[in-house]
């Protein structure tokens, strides 16, 4: 697979620390800011997915996935 192969969306279950999830929620809310009623309108699941996708792209997950020793 090349670095330019099409992206597909997959839904998976992952394990991450509670501290990481708390950071994603807090930072997503801070970035979105409250609406006029003081509510935060942000989908933190989408924010987490985007953050993980960015991490995987930047850290070379394609090469990691091709390496049989990682299985």
PDB file of N, CA and C in Angstrom:
ATOM      1  N   UNK A   1       0.843  -1.186   0.000  1.00  0.00           N
ATOM      2  CA  UNK A   1       0.000   0.000   0.000  1.00  0.00           C
ATOM      3  C   UNK A   1       0.877   1.235   0.000  1.00  0.00           C
ATOM      4  N   UNK A   2       0.473   2.188  -0.741  1.00  0.00           N
ATOM      5  CA  UNK A   2       1.245   3.420  -0.782  1.00  0.00           C
ATOM      6  C   UNK A   2       0.718   4.398   0.244  1.00  0.00           C
ATOM      7  N   UNK A   3       1.495   5.394   0.503  1.00  0.00           N
ATOM      8  CA  UNK A   3       1.091   6.436   1.445  1.00  0.00           C
ATOM      9  C   UNK A   3      -0.110   7.210   0.921  1.00  0.00           C
ATOM     10  N   UNK A   4      -0.412   7.101  -0.373  1.00  0.00           N
ATOM     11  CA  UNK A   4      -1.515   7.834  -0.974  1.00  0.00           C
ATOM     12  C   UNK A   4      -2.756   6.964  -1.190  1.00  0.00           C
ATOM     13  N   UNK A   5      -2.813   5.796  -0.569  1.00  0.00           N
ATOM     14  CA  UNK A   5      -3.971   4.930  -0.771  1.00  0.00           C
ATOM     15  C   UNK A   5      -5.202   5.577  -0.145  1.00  0.00           C
ATOM     16  N   UNK A   6      -6.382   5.247  -0.677  1.00  0.00           N
ATOM     17  CA  UNK A   6      -7.604   5.856  -0.158  1.00  0.00           C
ATOM     18  C   UNK A   6      -7.826   5.500   1.312  1.00  0.00           C
ATOM     19  N   UNK A   7      -8.457   6.390   2.014  1.00  0.00           N
ATOM     20  CA  UNK A   7      -8.764   6.144   3.417  1.00  0.00           C
ATOM     21  C   UNK A   7     -10.159   5.547   3.526  1.00  0.00           C
ATOM     22  N   UNK A   8     -10.334   4.660   4.477  1.00  0.00           N
ATOM     23  CA  UNK A   8     -11.633   4.088   4.775  1.00  0.00           C
ATOM     24  C   UNK A   8     -11.908   4.307   6.259  1.00  0.00           C
ATOM     25  N   UNK A   9     -13.167   4.453   6.599  1.00  0.00           N
ATOM     26  CA  UNK A   9     -13.540   4.657   8.000  1.00  0.00           C
ATOM     27  C   UNK A   9     -13.921   3.302   8.587  1.00  0.00           C
ATOM     28  N   UNK A  10     -13.310   2.965   9.721  1.00  0.00           N
ATOM     29  CA  UNK A  10     -13.642   1.734  10.425  1.00  0.00           C
ATOM     30  C   UNK A  10     -14.054   2.101  11.853  1.00  0.00           C
ATOM     31  N   UNK A  11     -14.946   1.326  12.377  1.00  0.00           N
ATOM     32  CA  UNK A  11     -15.386   1.517  13.764  1.00  0.00           C
ATOM     33  C   UNK A  11     -14.802   0.373  14.577  1.00  0.00           C
ATOM     34  N   UNK A  12     -14.019   0.728  15.586  1.00  0.00           N
ATOM     35  CA  UNK A  12     -13.315  -0.280  16.369  1.00  0.00           C
ATOM     36  C   UNK A  12     -13.454   0.021  17.859  1.00  0.00           C
ATOM     37  N   UNK A  13     -13.185  -0.963  18.647  1.00  0.00           N
ATOM     38  CA  UNK A  13     -13.073  -0.784  20.092  1.00  0.00           C
ATOM     39  C   UNK A  13     -11.597  -0.699  20.420  1.00  0.00           C
ATOM     40  N   UNK A  14     -11.219   0.320  21.178  1.00  0.00           N
ATOM     41  CA  UNK A  14      -9.818   0.485  21.563  1.00  0.00           C
ATOM     42  C   UNK A  14      -9.732   0.668  23.070  1.00  0.00           C
ATOM     43  N   UNK A  15      -8.568   0.440  23.592  1.00  0.00           N
ATOM     44  CA  UNK A  15      -8.305   0.702  24.995  1.00  0.00           C
ATOM     45  C   UNK A  15      -7.417   1.926  25.082  1.00  0.00           C
ATOM     46  N   UNK A  16      -7.826   2.890  25.905  1.00  0.00           N
ATOM     47  CA  UNK A  16      -7.002   4.044  26.184  1.00  0.00           C
ATOM     48  C   UNK A  16      -7.236   4.437  27.622  1.00  0.00           C
ATOM     49  N   UNK A  17      -6.327   5.169  28.165  1.00  0.00           N
ATOM     50  CA  UNK A  17      -6.438   5.523  29.571  1.00  0.00           C
ATOM     51  C   UNK A  17      -7.566   6.525  29.792  1.00  0.00           C
ATOM     52  N   UNK A  18      -8.107   6.493  30.989  1.00  0.00           N
ATOM     53  CA  UNK A  18      -9.149   7.452  31.354  1.00  0.00           C
ATOM     54  C   UNK A  18      -8.596   8.873  31.268  1.00  0.00           C
ATOM     55  N   UNK A  19      -7.333   9.043  31.615  1.00  0.00           N
ATOM     56  CA  UNK A  19      -6.711  10.373  31.556  1.00  0.00           C
ATOM     57  C   UNK A  19      -6.669  10.893  30.124  1.00  0.00           C
ATOM     58  N   UNK A  20      -6.381  10.024  29.162  1.00  0.00           N
ATOM     59  CA  UNK A  20      -6.368  10.438  27.756  1.00  0.00           C
ATOM     60  C   UNK A  20      -7.755  10.864  27.309  1.00  0.00           C
ATOM     61  N   UNK A  21      -8.761  10.071  27.678  1.00  0.00           N
ATOM     62  CA  UNK A  21     -10.128  10.402  27.302  1.00  0.00           C
ATOM     63  C   UNK A  21     -10.572  11.715  27.954  1.00  0.00           C
ATOM     64  N   UNK A  22     -10.217  11.915  29.196  1.00  0.00           N
ATOM     65  CA  UNK A  22     -10.548  13.175  29.877  1.00  0.00           C
ATOM     66  C   UNK A  22      -9.890  14.355  29.180  1.00  0.00           C
ATOM     67  N   UNK A  23      -8.652  14.194  28.734  1.00  0.00           N
ATOM     68  CA  UNK A  23      -7.955  15.268  28.038  1.00  0.00           C
ATOM     69  C   UNK A  23      -8.633  15.598  26.719  1.00  0.00           C
ATOM     70  N   UNK A  24      -9.048  14.567  25.978  1.00  0.00           N
ATOM     71  CA  UNK A  24      -9.735  14.790  24.699  1.00  0.00           C
ATOM     72  C   UNK A  24     -11.037  15.543  24.924  1.00  0.00           C
ATOM     73  N   UNK A  25     -11.807  15.132  25.925  1.00  0.00           N
ATOM     74  CA  UNK A  25     -13.081  15.794  26.215  1.00  0.00           C
ATOM     75  C   UNK A  25     -12.842  17.239  26.627  1.00  0.00           C
ATOM     76  N   UNK A  26     -11.920  17.463  27.554  1.00  0.00           N
ATOM     77  CA  UNK A  26     -11.654  18.822  28.043  1.00  0.00           C
ATOM     78  C   UNK A  26     -11.144  19.728  26.927  1.00  0.00           C
ATOM     79  N   UNK A  27     -10.204  19.238  26.140  1.00  0.00           N
ATOM     80  CA  UNK A  27      -9.632  20.069  25.078  1.00  0.00           C
ATOM     81  C   UNK A  27     -10.634  20.317  23.953  1.00  0.00           C
ATOM     82  N   UNK A  28     -11.471  19.329  23.651  1.00  0.00           N
ATOM     83  CA  UNK A  28     -12.493  19.511  22.620  1.00  0.00           C
ATOM     84  C   UNK A  28     -13.510  20.553  23.055  1.00  0.00           C
ATOM     85  N   UNK A  29     -13.922  20.479  24.314  1.00  0.00           N
ATOM     86  CA  UNK A  29     -14.875  21.459  24.832  1.00  0.00           C
ATOM     87  C   UNK A  29     -14.258  22.858  24.848  1.00  0.00           C
ATOM     88  N   UNK A  30     -12.999  22.960  25.257  1.00  0.00           N
ATOM     89  CA  UNK A  30     -12.332  24.251  25.300  1.00  0.00           C
ATOM     90  C   UNK A  30     -12.218  24.837  23.889  1.00  0.00           C
ATOM     91  N   UNK A  31     -11.884  24.006  22.918  1.00  0.00           N
ATOM     92  CA  UNK A  31     -11.743  24.476  21.541  1.00  0.00           C
ATOM     93  C   UNK A  31     -13.085  24.922  20.966  1.00  0.00           C
ATOM     94  N   UNK A  32     -14.154  24.165  21.248  1.00  0.00           N
ATOM     95  CA  UNK A  32     -15.482  24.489  20.714  1.00  0.00           C
ATOM     96  C   UNK A  32     -16.078  25.708  21.403  1.00  0.00           C
ATOM     97  N   UNK A  33     -15.852  25.822  22.697  1.00  0.00           N
ATOM     98  CA  UNK A  33     -16.445  26.913  23.457  1.00  0.00           C
ATOM     99  C   UNK A  33     -17.934  26.691  23.672  1.00  0.00           C
ATOM    100  N   UNK A  34     -18.480  27.365  24.677  1.00  0.00           N
ATOM    101  CA  UNK A  34     -19.900  27.209  24.964  1.00  0.00           C
ATOM    102  C   UNK A  34     -20.773  28.015  24.006  1.00  0.00           C
ATOM    103  N   UNK A  35     -22.019  27.540  23.823  1.00  0.00           N
ATOM    104  CA  UNK A  35     -22.969  28.316  23.024  1.00  0.00           C
ATOM    105  C   UNK A  35     -23.593  29.402  23.909  1.00  0.00           C
ATOM    106  N   UNK A  36     -24.590  30.071  23.384  1.00  0.00           N
ATOM    107  CA  UNK A  36     -25.195  31.182  24.125  1.00  0.00           C
ATOM    108  C   UNK A  36     -25.861  30.746  25.430  1.00  0.00           C
ATOM    109  N   UNK A  37     -26.184  29.471  25.551  1.00  0.00           N
ATOM    110  CA  UNK A  37     -26.796  28.946  26.777  1.00  0.00           C
ATOM    111  C   UNK A  37     -25.768  28.287  27.691  1.00  0.00           C
ATOM    112  N   UNK A  38     -24.506  28.365  27.328  1.00  0.00           N
ATOM    113  CA  UNK A  38     -23.453  27.785  28.147  1.00  0.00           C
ATOM    114  C   UNK A  38     -23.205  26.312  27.906  1.00  0.00           C
ATOM    115  N   UNK A  39     -23.824  25.767  26.878  1.00  0.00           N
ATOM    116  CA  UNK A  39     -23.645  24.347  26.549  1.00  0.00           C
ATOM    117  C   UNK A  39     -22.524  24.182  25.525  1.00  0.00           C
ATOM    118  N   UNK A  40     -21.850  23.075  25.644  1.00  0.00           N
ATOM    119  CA  UNK A  40     -20.778  22.760  24.707  1.00  0.00           C
ATOM    120  C   UNK A  40     -21.322  21.811  23.657  1.00  0.00           C
ATOM    121  N   UNK A  41     -21.352  22.255  22.421  1.00  0.00           N
ATOM    122  CA  UNK A  41     -21.869  21.451  21.309  1.00  0.00           C
ATOM    123  C   UNK A  41     -20.693  20.881  20.524  1.00  0.00           C
ATOM    124  N   UNK A  42     -20.178  19.789  21.013  1.00  0.00           N
ATOM    125  CA  UNK A  42     -19.053  19.139  20.350  1.00  0.00           C
ATOM    126  C   UNK A  42     -19.231  17.630  20.487  1.00  0.00           C
ATOM    127  N   UNK A  43     -18.959  16.907  19.417  1.00  0.00           N
ATOM    128  CA  UNK A  43     -19.017  15.451  19.463  1.00  0.00           C
ATOM    129  C   UNK A  43     -17.629  14.956  19.831  1.00  0.00           C
ATOM    130  N   UNK A  44     -17.457  14.592  21.082  1.00  0.00           N
ATOM    131  CA  UNK A  44     -16.125  14.199  21.543  1.00  0.00           C
ATOM    132  C   UNK A  44     -15.683  12.868  20.941  1.00  0.00           C
ATOM    133  N   UNK A  45     -16.628  12.015  20.549  1.00  0.00           N
ATOM    134  CA  UNK A  45     -16.254  10.765  19.872  1.00  0.00           C
ATOM    135  C   UNK A  45     -15.625  11.077  18.518  1.00  0.00           C
ATOM    136  N   UNK A  46     -16.215  12.034  17.784  1.00  0.00           N
ATOM    137  CA  UNK A  46     -15.623  12.442  16.503  1.00  0.00           C
ATOM    138  C   UNK A  46     -14.263  13.102  16.720  1.00  0.00           C
ATOM    139  N   UNK A  47     -14.146  13.882  17.780  1.00  0.00           N
ATOM    140  CA  UNK A  47     -12.868  14.531  18.084  1.00  0.00           C
ATOM    141  C   UNK A  47     -11.800  13.487  18.386  1.00  0.00           C
ATOM    142  N   UNK A  48     -12.164  12.463  19.150  1.00  0.00           N
ATOM    143  CA  UNK A  48     -11.215  11.394  19.461  1.00  0.00           C
ATOM    144  C   UNK A  48     -10.816  10.646  18.198  1.00  0.00           C
ATOM    145  N   UNK A  49     -11.785  10.342  17.338  1.00  0.00           N
ATOM    146  CA  UNK A  49     -11.487   9.642  16.081  1.00  0.00           C
ATOM    147  C   UNK A  49     -10.528  10.462  15.220  1.00  0.00           C
ATOM    148  N   UNK A  50     -10.762  11.753  15.115  1.00  0.00           N
ATOM    149  CA  UNK A  50      -9.889  12.617  14.313  1.00  0.00           C
ATOM    150  C   UNK A  50      -8.484  12.664  14.905  1.00  0.00           C
ATOM    151  N   UNK A  51      -8.409  12.745  16.223  1.00  0.00           N
ATOM    152  CA  UNK A  51      -7.111  12.807  16.888  1.00  0.00           C
ATOM    153  C   UNK A  51      -6.315  11.522  16.671  1.00  0.00           C
ATOM    154  N   UNK A  52      -6.971  10.394  16.825  1.00  0.00           N
ATOM    155  CA  UNK A  52      -6.291   9.104  16.618  1.00  0.00           C
ATOM    156  C   UNK A  52      -5.897   8.933  15.156  1.00  0.00           C
ATOM    157  N   UNK A  53      -6.771   9.322  14.232  1.00  0.00           N
ATOM    158  CA  UNK A  53      -6.449   9.223  12.804  1.00  0.00           C
ATOM    159  C   UNK A  53      -5.232  10.063  12.458  1.00  0.00           C
ATOM    160  N   UNK A  54      -5.168  11.264  12.992  1.00  0.00           N
ATOM    161  CA  UNK A  54      -4.007  12.128  12.760  1.00  0.00           C
ATOM    162  C   UNK A  54      -2.744  11.489  13.321  1.00  0.00           C
ATOM    163  N   UNK A  55      -2.842  10.975  14.531  1.00  0.00           N
ATOM    164  CA  UNK A  55      -1.695  10.314  15.161  1.00  0.00           C
ATOM    165  C   UNK A  55      -1.207   9.145  14.306  1.00  0.00           C
ATOM    166  N   UNK A  56      -2.130   8.307  13.844  1.00  0.00           N
ATOM    167  CA  UNK A  56      -1.747   7.139  13.042  1.00  0.00           C
ATOM    168  C   UNK A  56      -1.079   7.542  11.736  1.00  0.00           C
ATOM    169  N   UNK A  57      -1.598   8.586  11.088  1.00  0.00           N
ATOM    170  CA  UNK A  57      -0.980   9.071   9.839  1.00  0.00           C
ATOM    171  C   UNK A  57       0.418   9.615  10.108  1.00  0.00           C
ATOM    172  N   UNK A  58       0.550  10.439  11.133  1.00  0.00           N
ATOM    173  CA  UNK A  58       1.834  11.098  11.401  1.00  0.00           C
ATOM    174  C   UNK A  58       2.897  10.150  11.935  1.00  0.00           C
ATOM    175  N   UNK A  59       2.475   9.092  12.609  1.00  0.00           N
ATOM    176  CA  UNK A  59       3.436   8.164  13.223  1.00  0.00           C
ATOM    177  C   UNK A  59       3.701   6.927  12.385  1.00  0.00           C
ATOM    178  N   UNK A  60       3.208   6.909  11.149  1.00  0.00           N
ATOM    179  CA  UNK A  60       3.557   5.831  10.224  1.00  0.00           C
ATOM    180  C   UNK A  60       2.883   4.507  10.504  1.00  0.00           C
ATOM    181  N   UNK A  61       1.591   4.517  10.753  1.00  0.00           N
ATOM    182  CA  UNK A  61       0.878   3.271  11.040  1.00  0.00           C
ATOM    183  C   UNK A  61       0.906   2.315   9.860  1.00  0.00           C
ATOM    184  N   UNK A  62       0.950   2.825   8.634  1.00  0.00           N
ATOM    185  CA  UNK A  62       1.015   1.939   7.460  1.00  0.00           C
ATOM    186  C   UNK A  62       2.203   0.992   7.562  1.00  0.00           C
ATOM    187  N   UNK A  63       3.361   1.522   7.873  1.00  0.00           N
ATOM    188  CA  UNK A  63       4.560   0.686   7.996  1.00  0.00           C
ATOM    189  C   UNK A  63       4.436  -0.255   9.188  1.00  0.00           C
ATOM    190  N   UNK A  64       3.880   0.221  10.275  1.00  0.00           N
ATOM    191  CA  UNK A  64       3.679  -0.603  11.463  1.00  0.00           C
ATOM    192  C   UNK A  64       2.761  -1.778  11.145  1.00  0.00           C
ATOM    193  N   UNK A  65       1.690  -1.517  10.408  1.00  0.00           N
ATOM    194  CA  UNK A  65       0.731  -2.557  10.073  1.00  0.00           C
ATOM    195  C   UNK A  65       1.317  -3.597   9.105  1.00  0.00           C
ATOM    196  N   UNK A  66       2.230  -3.178   8.255  1.00  0.00           N
ATOM    197  CA  UNK A  66       2.854  -4.114   7.302  1.00  0.00           C
ATOM    198  C   UNK A  66       3.860  -5.037   7.981  1.00  0.00           C
ATOM    199  N   UNK A  67       4.396  -4.642   9.122  1.00  0.00           N
ATOM    200  CA  UNK A  67       5.422  -5.419   9.825  1.00  0.00           C
ATOM    201  C   UNK A  67       4.797  -6.586  10.576  1.00  0.00           C
ATOM    202  N   UNK A  68       5.039  -7.815  10.091  1.00  0.00           N
ATOM    203  CA  UNK A  68       4.435  -9.009  10.678  1.00  0.00           C
ATOM    204  C   UNK A  68       4.798  -9.217  12.130  1.00  0.00           C
ATOM    205  N   UNK A  69       5.920  -8.678  12.575  1.00  0.00           N
ATOM    206  CA  UNK A  69       6.343  -8.880  13.959  1.00  0.00           C
ATOM    207  C   UNK A  69       5.445  -8.133  14.947  1.00  0.00           C
ATOM    208  N   UNK A  70       4.603  -7.244  14.467  1.00  0.00           N
ATOM    209  CA  UNK A  70       3.705  -6.500  15.353  1.00  0.00           C
ATOM    210  C   UNK A  70       2.408  -7.256  15.650  1.00  0.00           C
ATOM    211  N   UNK A  71       2.283  -8.438  15.095  1.00  0.00           N
ATOM    212  CA  UNK A  71       1.069  -9.232  15.292  1.00  0.00           C
ATOM    213  C   UNK A  71       1.323 -10.371  16.246  1.00  0.00           C
TER     214      UNK A  71
END
